[in-house]
Amino acid sequence: MTTLLDPSSRSLVFAVFSVFVVICLMLCIVTGADEDDRALVRSDGRRRLRSWQQGIAMGGDTTTVATVTVLVGMVAAAGFDGLGVMLGSLIGVMLLLVLVVEPLRRHASLTAADLLDARGSGGPAVRVSWGVVTLFVCFPLLVVQLVVVGNVAAALIGQPGTRTGCIVVIGCAMTALAVSGGIRGTGVVMIAKSAIALPVLVVAAVLVLHRFGGDPGRLLDAAAHGSRMGEAYLRPGGYTGDGWVGAVNRIGQTFGMSMATLAMPAVLMRAISTKSPRGARTVGRWMLGELTLLYGALTVVGVGAAALVGEALREAGPAAQVFTPLMLGRALDGGGILVAALACVLFLTALAAVVDVTLAAGIALGRDVLGAFGEPAGSRPAGTAGTAGTADGAASRWSAALTGTLAAVAAVVAADWNLVVVSTLWLAVCGAALAPVLLYALYWPGFTARGALWCLWGATVVSVVALAVSPYASGTPGSIFPGHDFRIWDVTIPGLVTVPAGFLLGWLGSVTDPRRAAGAVPVAERRREPDTV
């Protein structure tokens, strides 16, 4: 992997990346939230992003560097099964836009935990639990992003020993952007990333189709041959397996991905700052349009990789999956310009994703965990809102800095781990713990604080246990403990089990709540003033 770029192309990649980081830092300083913006989330109308800008930024929030590399690699290696992740993500986006965005922005003023307080199922313990589970989702995601981009950077430099330095430098740059930018500044970074990444991926997809005369049938036939899977490339089972295990994996893949996308902390952070019902609809159109175009391009790029570099991918092994877009670029353009452009896409996608996730994690730590036992906003005397906003903003900034620093350190330690396990873990916890609590709080008046606690902690434990007794933990050469075998089942994507378990725990905790039976739990929701269009 050390010959992906020639020296001149490497210089171009890092020059473009360095200039982009400097420009983004300046934009964050100029357009970022003021210190008294409420926890870096709520700013006045003049400082908000426009609705179409918010839609592009939210679409970018669902696209991480792991999304680009892993999806393309899965489609190239496994064919049909790689499309299940994209389908699940699009379903999750549609559910988010239909069920969550508008009621969430109406009831939550700072974080999604405010929704639980507003609907009578909150409290300090619930707020802390929501914040801790949010951190449990964000932190592994940050680690995966930093490790992937560190590996790519080291390979492009041609010096694998520089990986640690790349992770630390890139982690520090992203943390600085998150701390200085706030919700508006990081939104500008996300929009700039989308403006560069989406056209490059579309051009790569067009070049793939052009190579095969614009005939999708020829492309699919070549991919089936290049992958050495034959007709099986176009059928389910290449990645998820066969039989009942494969069926559980496939359904869990789509179901779990849709629920995880619905409740991604960075996406919820932006949904709260949507201006109005009309703005929420505009956000939805732009977000869905961006993701549809992006996933279409990634599908073509992945199939093209199977057709053109399938043999090289098999020889390199699973570890080469993150380099699949770059290997395809080299096959399409021997001069290295496309490879350089795709490398920039990976860097910029990682930068934007980590910046937003770091900010979301910082807000969860500063507002929900550390600030849970502070004085409720509604009980503050008149005229003290600005002071409270300053405190919330300062706590969230320091928390974002701490989270980003710890993630960089953890990424250095975990650089050689099996990152598929880490990615599956955060997706499982997000879909099984956060999504059910969010939907129950919005649509079930009988949902209680006890139900929220049972769901948050119980679903997290179920997700961890489901992966601990799977082949990801033991019994296979690629598992965490390859020398041991304590597998109970062969399912590696447990969404079909963990998500229903989360909903069941939330329901069971609520209906057995003695305070609810005694009528001590408020059922009527405390709605805010109606929004004006």
Protein backbone atom coordinates (compact mmCIF):
# COMPACT_ATOMS: atom_id res chain seq x y z
CA MET A 1 0.00 0.00 0.00
CA THR A 2 2.99 2.31 0.08
CA THR A 3 2.91 2.96 -3.70
CA LEU A 4 -0.60 4.35 -4.01
CA LEU A 5 0.72 7.85 -4.72
CA ASP A 6 3.87 9.16 -6.34
CA PRO A 7 5.74 11.96 -4.49
CA SER A 8 4.15 14.78 -6.50
CA SER A 9 0.63 13.45 -5.88
CA ARG A 10 1.39 13.08 -2.15
CA SER A 11 2.48 16.70 -2.03
CA LEU A 12 -0.76 17.73 -3.77
CA VAL A 13 -2.92 15.75 -1.34
CA PHE A 14 -1.32 17.15 1.79
CA ALA A 15 -1.16 20.67 0.39
CA VAL A 16 -4.89 20.59 -0.36
CA PHE A 17 -5.67 19.03 3.02
CA SER A 18 -3.53 21.58 4.90
CA VAL A 19 -5.10 24.51 3.08
CA PHE A 20 -8.57 23.09 3.78
CA VAL A 21 -7.83 22.75 7.50
CA VAL A 22 -6.53 26.32 7.72
CA ILE A 23 -9.55 27.69 5.82
CA CYS A 24 -11.96 25.68 7.98
CA LEU A 25 -10.28 26.94 11.15
CA MET A 26 -10.66 30.53 9.96
CA LEU A 27 -14.30 29.93 9.01
CA CYS A 28 -14.97 28.39 12.42
CA ILE A 29 -13.49 31.41 14.18
CA VAL A 30 -15.42 33.88 12.01
CA THR A 31 -18.78 32.08 11.81
CA GLY A 32 -18.68 29.98 15.00
CA ALA A 33 -20.99 30.32 17.95
CA ASP A 34 -20.40 33.03 20.51
CA GLU A 35 -19.41 32.02 24.03
CA ASP A 36 -22.93 32.70 25.26
CA ASP A 37 -24.62 30.52 22.64
CA ARG A 38 -26.55 27.97 24.66
CA ALA A 39 -24.18 24.99 24.83
CA LEU A 40 -23.00 25.84 21.29
CA VAL A 41 -26.34 24.64 19.97
CA ARG A 42 -28.95 27.39 20.15
CA SER A 43 -27.95 30.67 18.58
CA ASP A 44 -30.21 33.50 17.50
CA GLY A 45 -31.91 33.57 14.12
CA ARG A 46 -29.28 35.74 12.50
CA ARG A 47 -26.50 33.26 13.32
CA ARG A 48 -28.27 30.07 12.29
CA LEU A 49 -27.47 28.18 9.14
CA ARG A 50 -30.10 28.43 6.43
CA SER A 51 -32.39 25.43 6.09
CA TRP A 52 -30.79 24.11 2.91
CA GLN A 53 -27.37 24.50 4.52
CA GLN A 54 -28.59 22.63 7.58
CA GLY A 55 -29.86 19.84 5.33
CA ILE A 56 -26.49 19.44 3.64
CA ALA A 57 -24.75 19.47 7.02
CA MET A 58 -27.11 16.81 8.44
CA GLY A 59 -26.58 14.66 5.36
CA GLY A 60 -22.86 14.97 5.91
CA ASP A 61 -23.29 13.94 9.56
CA THR A 62 -24.45 10.49 8.49
CA THR A 63 -21.41 10.08 6.18
CA THR A 64 -18.18 9.23 7.95
CA VAL A 65 -14.86 8.09 6.51
CA ALA A 66 -15.76 4.59 7.70
CA THR A 67 -18.99 4.89 5.67
CA VAL A 68 -17.10 5.71 2.50
CA THR A 69 -14.34 3.11 2.88
CA VAL A 70 -16.32 0.28 4.49
CA LEU A 71 -19.36 0.59 2.20
CA VAL A 72 -17.24 0.67 -0.93
CA GLY A 73 -15.15 -2.22 0.40
CA MET A 74 -18.23 -4.26 1.31
CA VAL A 75 -19.81 -3.76 -2.11
CA ALA A 76 -16.52 -4.65 -3.79
CA ALA A 77 -15.97 -7.78 -1.69
CA ALA A 78 -19.50 -9.01 -0.98
CA GLY A 79 -21.73 -7.45 -3.60
CA PHE A 80 -25.40 -7.47 -2.67
CA ASP A 81 -24.89 -7.47 1.08
CA GLY A 82 -23.06 -4.15 0.95
CA LEU A 83 -26.26 -2.53 -0.26
CA GLY A 84 -28.08 -3.50 2.96
CA VAL A 85 -26.13 -0.92 4.95
CA MET A 86 -27.00 1.83 2.46
CA LEU A 87 -30.67 0.79 2.42
CA GLY A 88 -30.81 0.80 6.22
CA SER A 89 -29.23 4.23 6.38
CA LEU A 90 -31.71 5.71 3.89
CA ILE A 91 -34.65 4.15 5.78
CA GLY A 92 -33.28 5.68 8.98
CA VAL A 93 -33.02 9.10 7.36
CA MET A 94 -36.62 8.93 6.16
CA LEU A 95 -37.82 7.88 9.62
CA LEU A 96 -35.81 10.71 11.15
CA LEU A 97 -37.38 13.27 8.83
CA VAL A 98 -40.93 11.95 9.23
CA LEU A 99 -41.00 11.07 12.93
CA VAL A 100 -38.29 12.94 14.78
CA VAL A 101 -37.04 16.26 13.38
CA GLU A 102 -40.10 18.45 13.90
CA PRO A 103 -41.28 17.22 17.35
CA LEU A 104 -37.68 17.09 18.61
CA ARG A 105 -36.91 20.67 17.67
CA ARG A 106 -40.19 21.75 19.31
CA HIS A 107 -39.47 20.16 22.69
CA ALA A 108 -35.65 20.09 23.02
CA SER A 109 -33.89 23.39 23.60
CA LEU A 110 -30.30 22.18 24.03
CA THR A 111 -29.96 18.40 23.78
CA ALA A 112 -32.23 15.43 23.17
CA ALA A 113 -32.33 14.83 26.95
CA ASP A 114 -34.42 18.02 27.24
CA LEU A 115 -37.16 16.16 25.36
CA LEU A 116 -37.38 13.62 28.17
CA ASP A 117 -37.77 16.40 30.75
CA ALA A 118 -40.43 18.13 28.64
CA ARG A 119 -42.45 14.93 28.23
CA GLY A 120 -42.38 13.92 31.91
CA SER A 121 -39.92 11.02 31.64
CA GLY A 122 -36.70 12.80 32.58
CA GLY A 123 -34.77 13.80 35.66
CA PRO A 124 -31.09 14.02 36.68
CA ALA A 125 -30.54 10.25 36.56
CA VAL A 126 -32.07 9.96 33.09
CA ARG A 127 -30.12 12.97 31.82
CA VAL A 128 -26.83 11.52 33.08
CA SER A 129 -27.69 8.12 31.61
CA TRP A 130 -28.55 9.63 28.23
CA GLY A 131 -25.30 11.60 28.26
CA VAL A 132 -23.16 8.59 29.24
CA VAL A 133 -24.71 6.33 26.59
CA THR A 134 -24.26 9.13 24.03
CA LEU A 135 -20.58 9.24 24.94
CA PHE A 136 -20.45 5.45 24.66
CA VAL A 137 -21.75 5.83 21.09
CA CYS A 138 -19.59 8.82 20.10
CA PHE A 139 -16.28 7.70 21.55
CA PRO A 140 -15.88 4.43 19.55
CA LEU A 141 -16.99 6.30 16.42
CA LEU A 142 -14.28 8.91 16.98
CA VAL A 143 -11.67 6.20 17.51
CA VAL A 144 -12.63 4.38 14.30
CA GLN A 145 -12.48 7.60 12.26
CA LEU A 146 -9.06 8.57 13.60
CA VAL A 147 -7.58 5.10 13.11
CA VAL A 148 -8.86 4.83 9.53
CA VAL A 149 -7.59 8.26 8.50
CA GLY A 150 -4.30 7.64 10.32
CA ASN A 151 -3.78 4.41 8.37
CA VAL A 152 -4.63 6.10 5.08
CA ALA A 153 -2.33 9.04 5.82
CA ALA A 154 0.58 6.76 6.73
CA ALA A 155 0.09 4.68 3.58
CA LEU A 156 -0.04 7.77 1.39
CA ILE A 157 3.13 9.12 2.96
CA GLY A 158 4.75 5.77 2.35
CA GLN A 159 5.95 5.45 5.95
CA PRO A 160 3.79 3.10 8.06
CA GLY A 161 5.72 4.12 11.17
CA THR A 162 4.23 7.61 10.97
CA ARG A 163 0.71 6.35 11.73
CA THR A 164 0.81 7.39 15.38
CA GLY A 165 1.95 10.88 14.49
CA CYS A 166 -0.75 11.19 11.82
CA ILE A 167 -3.45 10.17 14.30
CA VAL A 168 -2.27 12.66 16.92
CA VAL A 169 -1.87 15.59 14.50
CA ILE A 170 -5.19 15.01 12.74
CA GLY A 171 -6.98 14.44 16.07
CA CYS A 172 -5.64 17.73 17.46
CA ALA A 173 -6.67 19.64 14.32
CA MET A 174 -10.20 18.24 14.43
CA THR A 175 -10.56 18.95 18.14
CA ALA A 176 -9.49 22.56 17.59
CA LEU A 177 -12.14 22.95 14.88
CA ALA A 178 -14.86 21.50 17.11
CA VAL A 179 -13.94 23.73 20.06
CA SER A 180 -13.69 26.92 18.03
CA GLY A 181 -16.62 26.39 15.68
CA GLY A 182 -19.73 25.41 17.60
CA ILE A 183 -22.82 24.24 15.73
CA ARG A 184 -22.61 26.93 13.05
CA GLY A 185 -18.87 26.76 12.46
CA THR A 186 -18.81 22.96 12.23
CA GLY A 187 -21.82 23.16 9.92
CA VAL A 188 -19.74 25.31 7.56
CA VAL A 189 -16.99 22.66 7.67
CA MET A 190 -19.55 19.95 6.87
CA ILE A 191 -20.94 21.92 3.91
CA ALA A 192 -17.43 22.53 2.54
CA LYS A 193 -16.68 18.83 2.84
CA SER A 194 -19.85 17.88 0.96
CA ALA A 195 -19.11 20.42 -1.77
CA ILE A 196 -15.79 18.68 -2.43
CA ALA A 197 -16.49 15.02 -1.63
CA LEU A 198 -19.77 14.56 -3.49
CA PRO A 199 -18.57 15.82 -6.91
CA VAL A 200 -15.37 13.74 -6.69
CA LEU A 201 -17.30 10.55 -5.91
CA VAL A 202 -19.80 11.26 -8.69
CA VAL A 203 -16.94 11.80 -11.16
CA ALA A 204 -15.37 8.49 -10.05
CA ALA A 205 -18.72 6.74 -10.61
CA VAL A 206 -19.06 8.30 -14.07
CA LEU A 207 -15.53 7.17 -14.99
CA VAL A 208 -16.40 3.63 -13.89
CA LEU A 209 -19.49 3.58 -16.09
CA HIS A 210 -17.52 5.11 -18.97
CA ARG A 211 -14.92 2.33 -18.70
CA PHE A 212 -17.71 -0.19 -19.42
CA GLY A 213 -19.38 1.81 -22.17
CA GLY A 214 -22.16 3.10 -19.94
CA ASP A 215 -23.65 -0.40 -19.75
CA PRO A 216 -24.56 -1.42 -16.16
CA GLY A 217 -24.99 -5.03 -17.28
CA ARG A 218 -21.38 -5.23 -18.48
CA LEU A 219 -20.23 -3.62 -15.24
CA LEU A 220 -22.10 -6.16 -13.09
CA ASP A 221 -20.82 -9.09 -15.14
CA ALA A 222 -17.25 -7.82 -14.81
CA ALA A 223 -17.75 -7.34 -11.04
CA ALA A 224 -19.07 -10.88 -10.63
CA HIS A 225 -16.05 -12.20 -12.53
CA GLY A 226 -13.51 -9.95 -10.78
CA SER A 227 -14.81 -10.89 -7.34
CA ARG A 228 -14.53 -14.61 -8.16
CA MET A 229 -18.04 -15.02 -6.72
CA GLY A 230 -19.90 -15.46 -9.99
CA GLU A 231 -23.66 -15.14 -9.73
CA ALA A 232 -23.38 -15.24 -5.93
CA TYR A 233 -22.06 -11.66 -6.13
CA LEU A 234 -25.57 -10.50 -7.03
CA ARG A 235 -27.28 -12.55 -4.30
CA PRO A 236 -27.47 -12.14 -0.51
CA GLY A 237 -25.03 -14.01 1.69
CA GLY A 238 -21.60 -12.87 0.54
CA TYR A 239 -20.96 -10.98 3.78
CA THR A 240 -23.79 -11.93 6.12
CA GLY A 241 -23.63 -15.69 5.55
CA ASP A 242 -26.20 -18.35 4.66
CA GLY A 243 -29.01 -20.09 6.48
CA TRP A 244 -30.75 -18.69 9.54
CA VAL A 245 -27.58 -16.90 10.67
CA GLY A 246 -27.36 -15.08 7.37
CA ALA A 247 -31.04 -14.13 7.52
CA VAL A 248 -30.66 -12.75 11.06
CA ASN A 249 -27.55 -10.83 10.01
CA ARG A 250 -29.21 -9.33 6.93
CA ILE A 251 -32.38 -8.25 8.72
CA GLY A 252 -30.36 -7.01 11.68
CA GLN A 253 -28.06 -5.10 9.34
CA THR A 254 -30.90 -3.12 7.73
CA PHE A 255 -33.00 -2.79 10.90
CA GLY A 256 -30.10 -1.87 13.16
CA MET A 257 -28.62 0.61 10.68
CA SER A 258 -31.95 2.39 10.26
CA MET A 259 -32.40 2.76 14.03
CA ALA A 260 -28.79 3.89 14.50
CA THR A 261 -29.13 6.53 11.78
CA LEU A 262 -32.36 7.72 13.39
CA ALA A 263 -30.60 8.45 16.69
CA MET A 264 -27.05 9.48 15.73
CA PRO A 265 -26.05 12.14 18.31
CA ALA A 266 -24.51 14.52 15.77
CA VAL A 267 -27.63 14.37 13.57
CA LEU A 268 -29.92 14.99 16.57
CA MET A 269 -27.73 17.94 17.57
CA ARG A 270 -28.43 19.60 14.22
CA ALA A 271 -32.10 18.59 14.18
CA ILE A 272 -32.64 20.54 17.41
CA SER A 273 -31.31 23.73 15.82
CA THR A 274 -33.75 23.60 12.88
CA LYS A 275 -35.58 26.92 12.72
CA SER A 276 -39.23 26.13 11.91
CA PRO A 277 -41.60 23.46 10.56
CA ARG A 278 -41.08 24.80 7.05
CA GLY A 279 -37.35 24.79 7.65
CA ALA A 280 -37.53 21.17 8.84
CA ARG A 281 -39.17 20.14 5.56
CA THR A 282 -36.50 21.96 3.57
CA VAL A 283 -33.80 20.28 5.65
CA GLY A 284 -35.33 16.91 4.86
CA ARG A 285 -35.40 17.43 1.12
CA TRP A 286 -31.77 18.51 0.93
CA MET A 287 -30.56 15.80 3.31
CA LEU A 288 -32.35 12.98 1.50
CA GLY A 289 -31.29 14.24 -1.93
CA GLU A 290 -27.63 14.46 -0.90
CA LEU A 291 -27.57 10.97 0.61
CA THR A 292 -29.39 9.37 -2.35
CA LEU A 293 -26.85 10.81 -4.77
CA LEU A 294 -23.95 9.88 -2.48
CA TYR A 295 -25.02 6.26 -1.94
CA GLY A 296 -25.68 5.84 -5.65
CA ALA A 297 -22.13 7.00 -6.40
CA LEU A 298 -20.65 4.77 -3.67
CA THR A 299 -22.51 1.75 -5.08
CA VAL A 300 -21.10 2.29 -8.56
CA VAL A 301 -17.62 2.88 -7.15
CA GLY A 302 -17.81 -0.33 -5.10
CA VAL A 303 -19.02 -2.43 -8.05
CA GLY A 304 -16.31 -0.84 -10.21
CA ALA A 305 -13.69 -1.77 -7.62
CA ALA A 306 -14.81 -5.42 -7.77
CA ALA A 307 -14.59 -5.35 -11.56
CA LEU A 308 -11.23 -3.58 -11.90
CA VAL A 309 -9.20 -4.37 -8.77
CA GLY A 310 -10.98 -7.42 -7.35
CA GLU A 311 -7.88 -9.59 -7.69
CA ALA A 312 -5.66 -7.04 -5.91
CA LEU A 313 -8.20 -6.71 -3.09
CA ARG A 314 -8.28 -10.47 -2.52
CA GLU A 315 -4.49 -10.64 -2.41
CA ALA A 316 -4.25 -7.73 0.03
CA GLY A 317 -6.83 -9.24 2.40
CA PRO A 318 -9.51 -7.62 4.61
CA ALA A 319 -7.08 -4.99 5.91
CA ALA A 320 -7.01 -3.41 2.44
CA GLN A 321 -10.72 -2.61 2.56
CA VAL A 322 -10.11 0.98 3.68
CA PHE A 323 -7.93 1.53 0.60
CA THR A 324 -10.52 0.30 -1.91
CA PRO A 325 -11.47 3.78 -3.26
CA LEU A 326 -7.78 4.66 -3.71
CA MET A 327 -7.00 1.38 -5.49
CA LEU A 328 -9.93 1.98 -7.84
CA GLY A 329 -8.71 5.52 -8.51
CA ARG A 330 -5.31 4.20 -9.47
CA ALA A 331 -6.89 1.68 -11.87
CA LEU A 332 -8.99 4.41 -13.51
CA ASP A 333 -6.28 7.08 -13.68
CA GLY A 334 -2.66 6.05 -13.89
CA GLY A 335 -1.54 9.67 -13.53
CA GLY A 336 -2.61 9.80 -9.90
CA ILE A 337 -4.90 12.83 -10.06
CA LEU A 338 -8.03 10.82 -9.25
CA VAL A 339 -6.20 8.99 -6.47
CA ALA A 340 -5.14 12.33 -5.01
CA ALA A 341 -8.73 13.61 -5.23
CA LEU A 342 -10.13 10.49 -3.56
CA ALA A 343 -7.48 10.71 -0.84
CA CYS A 344 -8.57 14.29 -0.18
CA VAL A 345 -12.17 13.07 0.04
CA LEU A 346 -11.18 10.55 2.73
CA PHE A 347 -9.26 13.16 4.71
CA LEU A 348 -11.99 15.80 4.49
CA THR A 349 -14.74 13.30 5.32
CA ALA A 350 -12.83 12.20 8.40
CA LEU A 351 -12.16 15.78 9.44
CA ALA A 352 -15.78 16.89 9.13
CA ALA A 353 -17.21 13.76 10.77
CA VAL A 354 -14.86 13.83 13.74
CA VAL A 355 -15.40 17.56 14.24
CA ASP A 356 -19.18 17.14 14.48
CA VAL A 357 -19.06 13.97 16.60
CA THR A 358 -16.55 15.62 18.95
CA LEU A 359 -18.87 18.58 19.35
CA ALA A 360 -21.89 16.32 19.99
CA ALA A 361 -19.90 14.33 22.57
CA GLY A 362 -18.70 17.54 24.23
CA ILE A 363 -22.25 18.85 24.53
CA ALA A 364 -23.42 15.51 25.99
CA LEU A 365 -20.60 15.55 28.55
CA GLY A 366 -20.84 19.24 29.43
CA ARG A 367 -24.61 19.66 29.42
CA ASP A 368 -26.08 16.24 30.25
CA VAL A 369 -23.46 14.56 32.42
CA LEU A 370 -21.62 17.36 34.22
CA GLY A 371 -24.56 19.78 34.21
CA ALA A 372 -27.32 17.32 35.09
CA PHE A 373 -27.56 18.36 38.72
CA GLY A 374 -27.42 22.08 38.05
CA GLU A 375 -30.36 24.37 38.45
CA PRO A 376 -33.05 23.76 35.81
CA ALA A 377 -33.22 26.43 33.15
CA GLY A 378 -36.86 27.09 33.77
CA SER A 379 -36.23 27.91 37.43
CA ARG A 380 -33.59 30.57 36.86
CA PRO A 381 -34.57 34.13 37.68
CA ALA A 382 -35.31 36.47 34.84
CA GLY A 383 -32.27 38.08 33.36
CA THR A 384 -29.87 35.24 34.12
CA ALA A 385 -30.27 33.31 30.87
CA GLY A 386 -27.19 34.84 29.35
CA THR A 387 -25.08 33.83 32.31
CA ALA A 388 -26.42 30.29 32.15
CA GLY A 389 -25.77 30.15 28.42
CA THR A 390 -22.19 31.25 28.97
CA ALA A 391 -21.66 28.50 31.54
CA ASP A 392 -23.23 25.87 29.27
CA GLY A 393 -21.11 27.02 26.31
CA ALA A 394 -17.86 27.04 28.30
CA ALA A 395 -18.54 23.58 29.77
CA SER A 396 -19.33 22.15 26.34
CA ARG A 397 -16.19 23.64 24.81
CA TRP A 398 -13.94 22.23 27.52
CA SER A 399 -15.77 18.90 27.32
CA ALA A 400 -15.30 18.77 23.53
CA ALA A 401 -11.58 19.44 23.97
CA LEU A 402 -11.30 16.68 26.58
CA THR A 403 -13.27 14.20 24.45
CA GLY A 404 -11.20 14.87 21.35
CA THR A 405 -7.93 14.52 23.24
CA LEU A 406 -8.95 11.22 24.87
CA ALA A 407 -10.21 9.89 21.51
CA ALA A 408 -6.83 10.62 19.90
CA VAL A 409 -5.04 8.77 22.70
CA ALA A 410 -7.44 5.82 22.47
CA ALA A 411 -7.03 5.71 18.68
CA VAL A 412 -3.27 5.34 19.09
CA VAL A 413 -3.79 2.44 21.51
CA ALA A 414 -6.48 0.77 19.36
CA ALA A 415 -4.77 1.26 16.01
CA ASP A 416 -4.19 -2.49 15.54
CA TRP A 417 -7.54 -3.69 16.90
CA ASN A 418 -10.34 -5.18 14.85
CA LEU A 419 -12.25 -2.00 14.04
CA VAL A 420 -15.25 -3.91 12.68
CA VAL A 421 -16.06 -4.91 16.27
CA VAL A 422 -15.81 -1.30 17.44
CA SER A 423 -18.01 -0.05 14.60
CA THR A 424 -20.61 -2.75 15.21
CA LEU A 425 -20.65 -1.89 18.91
CA TRP A 426 -21.47 1.79 18.53
CA LEU A 427 -24.08 1.07 15.87
CA ALA A 428 -25.73 -1.58 18.06
CA VAL A 429 -25.85 0.66 21.16
CA CYS A 430 -27.11 3.67 19.21
CA GLY A 431 -29.91 1.71 17.56
CA ALA A 432 -30.92 -0.33 20.62
CA ALA A 433 -30.59 2.22 23.45
CA LEU A 434 -30.95 5.77 22.09
CA ALA A 435 -33.52 5.21 19.32
CA PRO A 436 -36.21 3.47 21.45
CA VAL A 437 -35.96 6.10 24.21
CA LEU A 438 -36.27 8.87 21.62
CA LEU A 439 -39.33 7.35 19.92
CA TYR A 440 -41.05 6.42 23.20
CA ALA A 441 -40.52 9.92 24.57
CA LEU A 442 -42.06 11.43 21.44
CA TYR A 443 -45.03 9.13 20.93
CA TRP A 444 -45.93 7.28 24.15
CA PRO A 445 -47.43 9.43 26.93
CA GLY A 446 -47.01 6.56 29.42
CA PHE A 447 -43.24 6.41 29.04
CA THR A 448 -41.53 7.02 32.39
CA ALA A 449 -38.08 7.76 33.76
CA ARG A 450 -37.76 4.16 34.90
CA GLY A 451 -38.51 2.96 31.38
CA ALA A 452 -35.85 5.30 30.01
CA LEU A 453 -33.25 4.02 32.48
CA TRP A 454 -34.07 0.38 31.80
CA CYS A 455 -33.85 0.95 28.07
CA LEU A 456 -30.63 2.99 28.12
CA TRP A 457 -28.65 0.70 30.41
CA GLY A 458 -30.34 -2.60 29.63
CA ALA A 459 -30.03 -2.26 25.85
CA THR A 460 -26.40 -1.22 26.21
CA VAL A 461 -25.65 -4.35 28.25
CA VAL A 462 -27.57 -6.56 25.80
CA SER A 463 -25.61 -5.10 22.87
CA VAL A 464 -22.25 -5.66 24.57
CA VAL A 465 -23.17 -9.23 25.56
CA ALA A 466 -24.48 -10.04 22.07
CA LEU A 467 -21.13 -9.10 20.55
CA ALA A 468 -19.13 -10.74 23.37
CA VAL A 469 -20.64 -14.16 22.58
CA SER A 470 -20.28 -13.72 18.80
CA PRO A 471 -17.39 -14.66 16.47
CA TYR A 472 -16.14 -11.08 16.77
CA ALA A 473 -14.92 -11.82 20.32
CA SER A 474 -13.57 -15.37 20.03
CA GLY A 475 -13.24 -18.50 17.96
CA THR A 476 -12.01 -17.05 14.65
CA PRO A 477 -8.62 -15.78 13.42
CA GLY A 478 -9.92 -12.20 13.19
CA SER A 479 -11.59 -12.11 16.61
CA ILE A 480 -10.36 -10.24 19.67
CA PHE A 481 -9.37 -13.48 21.43
CA PRO A 482 -8.51 -15.88 18.60
CA GLY A 483 -6.99 -18.42 20.99
CA HIS A 484 -10.26 -18.93 22.87
CA ASP A 485 -13.74 -19.95 21.84
CA PHE A 486 -16.66 -18.90 24.00
CA ARG A 487 -19.12 -18.25 21.19
CA ILE A 488 -22.76 -18.98 21.84
CA TRP A 489 -24.04 -17.99 18.42
CA ASP A 490 -22.57 -17.07 15.02
CA VAL A 491 -24.57 -13.88 14.52
CA THR A 492 -22.28 -10.87 14.00
CA ILE A 493 -24.91 -8.19 13.34
CA PRO A 494 -27.33 -8.47 16.28
CA GLY A 495 -29.74 -5.64 15.43
CA LEU A 496 -32.69 -8.02 15.06
CA VAL A 497 -32.24 -8.96 18.74
CA THR A 498 -30.86 -5.83 20.40
CA VAL A 499 -33.31 -3.27 18.98
CA PRO A 500 -36.49 -5.18 20.00
CA ALA A 501 -34.83 -5.80 23.38
CA GLY A 502 -34.42 -2.05 23.83
CA PHE A 503 -38.08 -1.37 23.04
CA LEU A 504 -39.17 -4.21 25.32
CA LEU A 505 -37.08 -2.93 28.24
CA GLY A 506 -38.43 0.59 27.81
CA TRP A 507 -42.01 -0.69 27.81
CA LEU A 508 -41.47 -3.09 30.70
CA GLY A 509 -39.77 -0.47 32.87
CA SER A 510 -42.60 1.98 32.28
CA VAL A 511 -45.56 -0.34 32.88
CA THR A 512 -44.00 -1.70 36.09
CA ASP A 513 -43.09 1.73 37.45
CA PRO A 514 -44.81 1.96 40.88
CA ARG A 515 -44.94 5.76 40.64
CA ARG A 516 -46.90 5.43 37.40
CA ALA A 517 -49.33 2.99 38.98
CA ALA A 518 -49.80 5.40 41.87
CA GLY A 519 -50.43 8.31 39.50
CA ALA A 520 -47.31 10.17 40.61
CA VAL A 521 -45.78 10.28 37.14
CA PRO A 522 -47.06 13.11 34.96
CA VAL A 523 -48.59 11.79 31.77
CA ALA A 524 -49.59 15.06 30.14
CA GLU A 525 -46.71 16.55 28.19
CA ARG A 526 -45.54 20.09 28.84
CA ARG A 527 -45.56 21.57 25.37
CA ARG A 528 -43.76 24.75 24.41
CA GLU A 529 -45.34 27.65 22.58
CA PRO A 530 -46.50 26.82 19.04
CA ASP A 531 -43.97 27.50 16.29
CA THR A 532 -44.64 30.07 13.66
CA VAL A 533 -43.84 29.39 10.04
